[in-house]
């Protein structure tokens, strides 16, 4: 079983999450609604959010605080489970984390480490990440193994990795264990509105046939790409 980030809001400025799902109403309101801050019951420009089916809590990418928070049902304060060591590209830090994916098989979070221009795996309970794709030192690029502000990441049942490369107008596909990706949606650094191009893609999801759906932000649409 897996969980992935739901919702994409690049210009998140309300520092809160609202949902009509019954699950979220079970959490104390001071966890979900608040003003910007860095205390354990506050968020700063939150981005990705996923449900943890194991303990029935939520993981939140607290982008402005460069950390991933975990909130249990009924808890007033959250727990920092990744990052929280200042903004940077060291393997103990995050830099504006965006989309997150829960990989239960490895008990880890896969994080689109947006402004570090990489995607990393953070095993829960550890103090540092492991590089999955992108530049170790946060350097921007548009090659097969580099990114410009990745914003979302998901895995398929085979462990292959799909990454939204927001600033390069593409979605990259990485075979499990490989470091060089292949563009499967959009065209590298070509922004457009025809059926083959993207204009700042934001988030992605796979259906049960592994068809890919892309939130095409500046084209104000969702694009479907057939299984790769």
C-alpha atoms as a PDB file:
ATOM      1  CA  UNK A   1       0.000   0.000   0.000  1.00  0.00           C
ATOM      2  CA  UNK A   2       1.167   3.505  -0.693  1.00  0.00           C
ATOM      3  CA  UNK A   3       0.130   7.079  -0.245  1.00  0.00           C
ATOM      4  CA  UNK A   4       0.977  10.124  -2.279  1.00  0.00           C
ATOM      5  CA  UNK A   5       0.702  13.857  -2.135  1.00  0.00           C
ATOM      6  CA  UNK A   6      -2.757  15.236  -2.831  1.00  0.00           C
ATOM      7  CA  UNK A   7      -3.371  18.733  -4.026  1.00  0.00           C
ATOM      8  CA  UNK A   8      -0.981  21.243  -5.519  1.00  0.00           C
ATOM      9  CA  UNK A   9      -0.976  24.897  -4.639  1.00  0.00           C
ATOM     10  CA  UNK A  10       2.235  26.678  -5.515  1.00  0.00           C
ATOM     11  CA  UNK A  11       0.992  29.988  -4.184  1.00  0.00           C
ATOM     12  CA  UNK A  12      -0.139  28.683  -0.808  1.00  0.00           C
ATOM     13  CA  UNK A  13      -0.447  31.731   1.420  1.00  0.00           C
ATOM     14  CA  UNK A  14      -3.114  30.778   3.939  1.00  0.00           C
ATOM     15  CA  UNK A  15      -0.933  28.415   5.958  1.00  0.00           C
ATOM     16  CA  UNK A  16      -3.758  25.933   6.386  1.00  0.00           C
ATOM     17  CA  UNK A  17      -5.377  22.890   4.873  1.00  0.00           C
ATOM     18  CA  UNK A  18      -9.114  22.527   4.379  1.00  0.00           C
ATOM     19  CA  UNK A  19     -10.764  19.250   3.486  1.00  0.00           C
ATOM     20  CA  UNK A  20     -14.223  17.742   3.318  1.00  0.00           C
ATOM     21  CA  UNK A  21     -12.933  14.274   4.068  1.00  0.00           C
ATOM     22  CA  UNK A  22     -14.167  12.924   7.383  1.00  0.00           C
ATOM     23  CA  UNK A  23     -10.625  12.017   8.394  1.00  0.00           C
ATOM     24  CA  UNK A  24      -9.469  15.601   8.572  1.00  0.00           C
ATOM     25  CA  UNK A  25     -12.277  16.724  10.812  1.00  0.00           C
ATOM     26  CA  UNK A  26     -10.964  14.348  13.461  1.00  0.00           C
ATOM     27  CA  UNK A  27      -7.837  16.434  13.884  1.00  0.00           C
ATOM     28  CA  UNK A  28      -7.947  19.358  16.261  1.00  0.00           C
ATOM     29  CA  UNK A  29      -8.688  22.560  14.430  1.00  0.00           C
ATOM     30  CA  UNK A  30      -5.502  24.274  15.655  1.00  0.00           C
ATOM     31  CA  UNK A  31      -3.492  21.791  13.592  1.00  0.00           C
ATOM     32  CA  UNK A  32      -5.269  22.638  10.369  1.00  0.00           C
ATOM     33  CA  UNK A  33      -5.810  26.361  10.663  1.00  0.00           C
ATOM     34  CA  UNK A  34      -3.290  28.926  11.830  1.00  0.00           C
ATOM     35  CA  UNK A  35      -0.947  31.754  11.024  1.00  0.00           C
ATOM     36  CA  UNK A  36       2.501  31.440   9.544  1.00  0.00           C
ATOM     37  CA  UNK A  37       5.134  30.223  11.956  1.00  0.00           C
ATOM     38  CA  UNK A  38       7.691  27.578  12.781  1.00  0.00           C
ATOM     39  CA  UNK A  39       6.291  26.179  16.031  1.00  0.00           C
ATOM     40  CA  UNK A  40       5.209  22.541  16.060  1.00  0.00           C
ATOM     41  CA  UNK A  41       1.557  23.557  15.638  1.00  0.00           C
ATOM     42  CA  UNK A  42       2.269  26.018  12.825  1.00  0.00           C
ATOM     43  CA  UNK A  43       3.107  25.858   9.131  1.00  0.00           C
ATOM     44  CA  UNK A  44       4.631  28.213   6.587  1.00  0.00           C
ATOM     45  CA  UNK A  45       3.377  27.861   3.003  1.00  0.00           C
ATOM     46  CA  UNK A  46       2.471  24.151   3.247  1.00  0.00           C
ATOM     47  CA  UNK A  47       2.532  22.245  -0.019  1.00  0.00           C
ATOM     48  CA  UNK A  48       2.147  18.468  -0.336  1.00  0.00           C
ATOM     49  CA  UNK A  49       0.031  16.439   2.087  1.00  0.00           C
ATOM     50  CA  UNK A  50      -0.430  12.673   2.369  1.00  0.00           C
ATOM     51  CA  UNK A  51      -2.384  10.375   4.633  1.00  0.00           C
ATOM     52  CA  UNK A  52      -0.520   7.735   6.629  1.00  0.00           C
ATOM     53  CA  UNK A  53      -2.754   4.644   6.637  1.00  0.00           C
ATOM     54  CA  UNK A  54      -0.508   2.837   9.118  1.00  0.00           C
ATOM     55  CA  UNK A  55      -1.019   5.206  12.059  1.00  0.00           C
ATOM     56  CA  UNK A  56      -3.853   7.283  10.579  1.00  0.00           C
ATOM     57  CA  UNK A  57      -2.030  10.592  10.638  1.00  0.00           C
ATOM     58  CA  UNK A  58      -0.875  13.059   7.994  1.00  0.00           C
ATOM     59  CA  UNK A  59       2.494  14.083   6.610  1.00  0.00           C
ATOM     60  CA  UNK A  60       2.755  17.714   5.475  1.00  0.00           C
ATOM     61  CA  UNK A  61       5.491  19.311   3.389  1.00  0.00           C
ATOM     62  CA  UNK A  62       6.067  22.514   5.355  1.00  0.00           C
ATOM     63  CA  UNK A  63       7.767  24.261   2.459  1.00  0.00           C
ATOM     64  CA  UNK A  64       8.529  27.598   4.099  1.00  0.00           C
ATOM     65  CA  UNK A  65      10.106  25.878   7.106  1.00  0.00           C
ATOM     66  CA  UNK A  66      12.080  23.375   5.010  1.00  0.00           C
ATOM     67  CA  UNK A  67      10.739  20.357   6.828  1.00  0.00           C
ATOM     68  CA  UNK A  68       8.206  17.536   6.726  1.00  0.00           C
ATOM     69  CA  UNK A  69       5.753  17.440   9.646  1.00  0.00           C
ATOM     70  CA  UNK A  70       3.737  14.508  10.935  1.00  0.00           C
ATOM     71  CA  UNK A  71       0.460  15.006  12.822  1.00  0.00           C
ATOM     72  CA  UNK A  72      -1.311  12.223  14.683  1.00  0.00           C
ATOM     73  CA  UNK A  73      -5.051  12.200  15.184  1.00  0.00           C
ATOM     74  CA  UNK A  74      -5.976  14.441  18.098  1.00  0.00           C
ATOM     75  CA  UNK A  75      -2.489  15.869  18.546  1.00  0.00           C
ATOM     76  CA  UNK A  76      -2.000  19.580  19.045  1.00  0.00           C
ATOM     77  CA  UNK A  77       1.636  19.576  17.980  1.00  0.00           C
ATOM     78  CA  UNK A  78       3.294  17.814  15.105  1.00  0.00           C
ATOM     79  CA  UNK A  79       6.617  16.021  14.875  1.00  0.00           C
ATOM     80  CA  UNK A  80       9.429  16.919  12.502  1.00  0.00           C
ATOM     81  CA  UNK A  81      10.206  13.742  10.556  1.00  0.00           C
ATOM     82  CA  UNK A  82      12.486  15.161   7.847  1.00  0.00           C
ATOM     83  CA  UNK A  83      14.500  18.351   7.561  1.00  0.00           C
ATOM     84  CA  UNK A  84      14.024  21.085  10.117  1.00  0.00           C
ATOM     85  CA  UNK A  85      17.756  21.827  10.157  1.00  0.00           C
ATOM     86  CA  UNK A  86      17.628  25.060   8.243  1.00  0.00           C
ATOM     87  CA  UNK A  87      17.463  25.667   4.528  1.00  0.00           C
ATOM     88  CA  UNK A  88      20.188  24.062   2.471  1.00  0.00           C
ATOM     89  CA  UNK A  89      21.445  21.236   0.279  1.00  0.00           C
ATOM     90  CA  UNK A  90      23.236  19.122   2.885  1.00  0.00           C
ATOM     91  CA  UNK A  91      21.772  15.644   3.356  1.00  0.00           C
ATOM     92  CA  UNK A  92      20.339  16.606   6.749  1.00  0.00           C
ATOM     93  CA  UNK A  93      18.455  19.562   5.249  1.00  0.00           C
ATOM     94  CA  UNK A  94      15.583  20.214   2.870  1.00  0.00           C
ATOM     95  CA  UNK A  95      15.110  23.228   0.609  1.00  0.00           C
ATOM     96  CA  UNK A  96      11.461  24.141  -0.016  1.00  0.00           C
ATOM     97  CA  UNK A  97      10.101  20.578  -0.120  1.00  0.00           C
ATOM     98  CA  UNK A  98       7.044  20.198  -2.325  1.00  0.00           C
ATOM     99  CA  UNK A  99       5.372  16.923  -3.316  1.00  0.00           C
ATOM    100  CA  UNK A 100       5.800  13.913  -1.053  1.00  0.00           C
ATOM    101  CA  UNK A 101       5.129  10.207  -1.464  1.00  0.00           C
ATOM    102  CA  UNK A 102       4.914   7.562   1.249  1.00  0.00           C
ATOM    103  CA  UNK A 103       6.783   4.390   0.335  1.00  0.00           C
ATOM    104  CA  UNK A 104       5.649   1.849   2.885  1.00  0.00           C
ATOM    105  CA  UNK A 105       7.913  -0.873   1.519  1.00  0.00           C
ATOM    106  CA  UNK A 106      11.027   1.050   2.591  1.00  0.00           C
ATOM    107  CA  UNK A 107       9.289   2.950   5.428  1.00  0.00           C
ATOM    108  CA  UNK A 108      10.344   6.201   3.851  1.00  0.00           C
ATOM    109  CA  UNK A 109       9.161   9.445   2.342  1.00  0.00           C
ATOM    110  CA  UNK A 110      10.118  10.296  -1.217  1.00  0.00           C
ATOM    111  CA  UNK A 111      10.423  14.071  -1.376  1.00  0.00           C
ATOM    112  CA  UNK A 112      10.508  16.478  -4.305  1.00  0.00           C
ATOM    113  CA  UNK A 113      13.180  18.723  -2.797  1.00  0.00           C
ATOM    114  CA  UNK A 114      12.127  21.653  -4.936  1.00  0.00           C
ATOM    115  CA  UNK A 115      14.758  24.356  -4.586  1.00  0.00           C
ATOM    116  CA  UNK A 116      17.579  21.841  -4.135  1.00  0.00           C
ATOM    117  CA  UNK A 117      16.667  20.546  -7.604  1.00  0.00           C
ATOM    118  CA  UNK A 118      16.615  16.914  -6.574  1.00  0.00           C
ATOM    119  CA  UNK A 119      14.400  14.119  -5.315  1.00  0.00           C
ATOM    120  CA  UNK A 120      15.427  12.312  -2.157  1.00  0.00           C
ATOM    121  CA  UNK A 121      14.422   9.387   0.024  1.00  0.00           C
ATOM    122  CA  UNK A 122      14.167  10.005   3.757  1.00  0.00           C
ATOM    123  CA  UNK A 123      13.772   6.788   5.741  1.00  0.00           C
ATOM    124  CA  UNK A 124      11.562   7.533   8.715  1.00  0.00           C
ATOM    125  CA  UNK A 125      13.456   7.566  11.976  1.00  0.00           C
ATOM    126  CA  UNK A 126      16.760   8.556  10.367  1.00  0.00           C
ATOM    127  CA  UNK A 127      18.464  11.940  10.257  1.00  0.00           C
ATOM    128  CA  UNK A 128      19.452  12.291   6.609  1.00  0.00           C
ATOM    129  CA  UNK A 129      18.301  11.627   3.071  1.00  0.00           C
ATOM    130  CA  UNK A 130      19.498   9.441   0.215  1.00  0.00           C
ATOM    131  CA  UNK A 131      19.616  10.913  -3.285  1.00  0.00           C
ATOM    132  CA  UNK A 132      17.236   9.319  -5.800  1.00  0.00           C
ATOM    133  CA  UNK A 133      17.606  11.700  -8.748  1.00  0.00           C
ATOM    134  CA  UNK A 134      18.925  15.144  -9.523  1.00  0.00           C
ATOM    135  CA  UNK A 135      22.022  17.013  -8.449  1.00  0.00           C
ATOM    136  CA  UNK A 136      23.567  16.249  -5.063  1.00  0.00           C
ATOM    137  CA  UNK A 137      24.572  19.901  -4.582  1.00  0.00           C
ATOM    138  CA  UNK A 138      21.368  21.527  -5.784  1.00  0.00           C
ATOM    139  CA  UNK A 139      22.600  22.624  -9.209  1.00  0.00           C
ATOM    140  CA  UNK A 140      19.901  23.406 -11.791  1.00  0.00           C
ATOM    141  CA  UNK A 141      19.928  21.480 -15.045  1.00  0.00           C
ATOM    142  CA  UNK A 142      17.870  20.111 -17.915  1.00  0.00           C
ATOM    143  CA  UNK A 143      19.742  16.898 -18.722  1.00  0.00           C
ATOM    144  CA  UNK A 144      18.391  13.375 -18.269  1.00  0.00           C
ATOM    145  CA  UNK A 145      19.499  13.319 -14.630  1.00  0.00           C
ATOM    146  CA  UNK A 146      18.940  16.922 -13.533  1.00  0.00           C
ATOM    147  CA  UNK A 147      15.991  19.203 -12.725  1.00  0.00           C
ATOM    148  CA  UNK A 148      14.813  22.737 -12.365  1.00  0.00           C
ATOM    149  CA  UNK A 149      12.501  22.952  -9.337  1.00  0.00           C
ATOM    150  CA  UNK A 150      10.861  19.502  -9.201  1.00  0.00           C
ATOM    151  CA  UNK A 151       7.430  19.750  -7.596  1.00  0.00           C
ATOM    152  CA  UNK A 152       5.967  16.257  -7.342  1.00  0.00           C
ATOM    153  CA  UNK A 153       6.975  12.610  -7.270  1.00  0.00           C
ATOM    154  CA  UNK A 154       5.202   9.263  -7.324  1.00  0.00           C
ATOM    155  CA  UNK A 155       6.182   5.610  -7.638  1.00  0.00           C
ATOM    156  CA  UNK A 156       4.452   2.828  -9.524  1.00  0.00           C
ATOM    157  CA  UNK A 157       4.060  -0.731  -8.136  1.00  0.00           C
ATOM    158  CA  UNK A 158       7.380  -1.750  -9.731  1.00  0.00           C
ATOM    159  CA  UNK A 159       9.259   0.991  -7.921  1.00  0.00           C
ATOM    160  CA  UNK A 160       9.760   3.163 -10.997  1.00  0.00           C
ATOM    161  CA  UNK A 161       9.846   6.882 -10.232  1.00  0.00           C
ATOM    162  CA  UNK A 162       7.871   9.666 -11.959  1.00  0.00           C
ATOM    163  CA  UNK A 163       9.010  13.235 -11.289  1.00  0.00           C
ATOM    164  CA  UNK A 164       7.435  16.559 -12.262  1.00  0.00           C
ATOM    165  CA  UNK A 165      10.208  18.837 -13.512  1.00  0.00           C
ATOM    166  CA  UNK A 166       8.287  22.077 -13.169  1.00  0.00           C
ATOM    167  CA  UNK A 167      10.899  24.487 -14.504  1.00  0.00           C
ATOM    168  CA  UNK A 168      11.754  22.288 -17.490  1.00  0.00           C
ATOM    169  CA  UNK A 169       8.109  21.743 -18.531  1.00  0.00           C
ATOM    170  CA  UNK A 170       8.301  17.955 -18.434  1.00  0.00           C
ATOM    171  CA  UNK A 171       7.701  14.765 -16.492  1.00  0.00           C
ATOM    172  CA  UNK A 172      10.699  12.463 -16.097  1.00  0.00           C
ATOM    173  CA  UNK A 173      10.538   8.673 -15.727  1.00  0.00           C
ATOM    174  CA  UNK A 174      13.255   6.773 -13.878  1.00  0.00           C
ATOM    175  CA  UNK A 175      13.455   3.010 -13.951  1.00  0.00           C
ATOM    176  CA  UNK A 176      13.875   1.720 -10.385  1.00  0.00           C
ATOM    177  CA  UNK A 177      17.505   2.005  -9.350  1.00  0.00           C
ATOM    178  CA  UNK A 178      18.634   4.050 -12.347  1.00  0.00           C
ATOM    179  CA  UNK A 179      19.943   7.628 -12.227  1.00  0.00           C
ATOM    180  CA  UNK A 180      19.141   8.797 -15.777  1.00  0.00           C
ATOM    181  CA  UNK A 181      15.542   9.600 -16.625  1.00  0.00           C
ATOM    182  CA  UNK A 182      13.481   9.710 -19.788  1.00  0.00           C
ATOM    183  CA  UNK A 183      10.988  12.437 -20.674  1.00  0.00           C
ATOM    184  CA  UNK A 184       7.525  10.873 -20.954  1.00  0.00           C
ATOM    185  CA  UNK A 185       5.376  14.020 -20.929  1.00  0.00           C
ATOM    186  CA  UNK A 186       6.178  17.436 -22.339  1.00  0.00           C
ATOM    187  CA  UNK A 187       9.424  18.422 -24.004  1.00  0.00           C
ATOM    188  CA  UNK A 188      12.536  19.599 -22.201  1.00  0.00           C
ATOM    189  CA  UNK A 189      12.477  23.384 -21.675  1.00  0.00           C
ATOM    190  CA  UNK A 190       9.787  23.846 -24.344  1.00  0.00           C
ATOM    191  CA  UNK A 191       6.668  25.487 -22.937  1.00  0.00           C
ATOM    192  CA  UNK A 192       3.478  25.336 -24.953  1.00  0.00           C
ATOM    193  CA  UNK A 193      -0.220  24.582 -25.114  1.00  0.00           C
ATOM    194  CA  UNK A 194      -0.557  21.873 -27.739  1.00  0.00           C
ATOM    195  CA  UNK A 195      -1.378  18.280 -26.783  1.00  0.00           C
ATOM    196  CA  UNK A 196       2.293  17.281 -26.525  1.00  0.00           C
ATOM    197  CA  UNK A 197       3.575  20.187 -24.441  1.00  0.00           C
ATOM    198  CA  UNK A 198       3.207  21.410 -20.872  1.00  0.00           C
ATOM    199  CA  UNK A 199       3.392  24.860 -19.329  1.00  0.00           C
ATOM    200  CA  UNK A 200       4.734  24.584 -15.778  1.00  0.00           C
ATOM    201  CA  UNK A 201       3.341  21.184 -14.777  1.00  0.00           C
ATOM    202  CA  UNK A 202       2.531  20.923 -11.085  1.00  0.00           C
ATOM    203  CA  UNK A 203       1.448  17.515  -9.866  1.00  0.00           C
ATOM    204  CA  UNK A 204       0.845  14.023 -11.194  1.00  0.00           C
ATOM    205  CA  UNK A 205      -1.151  10.883 -10.466  1.00  0.00           C
ATOM    206  CA  UNK A 206      -1.314   7.402 -11.992  1.00  0.00           C
ATOM    207  CA  UNK A 207      -4.482   5.385 -12.506  1.00  0.00           C
ATOM    208  CA  UNK A 208      -4.627   1.622 -12.045  1.00  0.00           C
ATOM    209  CA  UNK A 209      -3.581   1.135 -15.679  1.00  0.00           C
ATOM    210  CA  UNK A 210      -0.536   3.366 -15.084  1.00  0.00           C
ATOM    211  CA  UNK A 211      -1.820   6.110 -17.337  1.00  0.00           C
ATOM    212  CA  UNK A 212      -0.380   9.440 -16.241  1.00  0.00           C
ATOM    213  CA  UNK A 213      -2.424  12.550 -15.404  1.00  0.00           C
ATOM    214  CA  UNK A 214      -0.610  15.877 -15.214  1.00  0.00           C
ATOM    215  CA  UNK A 215      -1.801  19.128 -13.677  1.00  0.00           C
ATOM    216  CA  UNK A 216      -0.748  21.583 -16.390  1.00  0.00           C
ATOM    217  CA  UNK A 217      -0.657  24.719 -14.286  1.00  0.00           C
ATOM    218  CA  UNK A 218      -0.372  27.633 -16.715  1.00  0.00           C
ATOM    219  CA  UNK A 219      -2.438  25.921 -19.386  1.00  0.00           C
ATOM    220  CA  UNK A 220      -5.302  25.621 -16.880  1.00  0.00           C
ATOM    221  CA  UNK A 221      -5.927  21.979 -17.688  1.00  0.00           C
ATOM    222  CA  UNK A 222      -5.187  18.383 -16.776  1.00  0.00           C
ATOM    223  CA  UNK A 223      -3.431  16.292 -19.424  1.00  0.00           C
ATOM    224  CA  UNK A 224      -3.615  12.513 -19.771  1.00  0.00           C
ATOM    225  CA  UNK A 225      -0.647  10.588 -21.143  1.00  0.00           C
ATOM    226  CA  UNK A 226      -1.012   6.914 -21.921  1.00  0.00           C
ATOM    227  CA  UNK A 227       1.031   4.348 -20.015  1.00  0.00           C
ATOM    228  CA  UNK A 228       4.711   4.537 -20.804  1.00  0.00           C
END
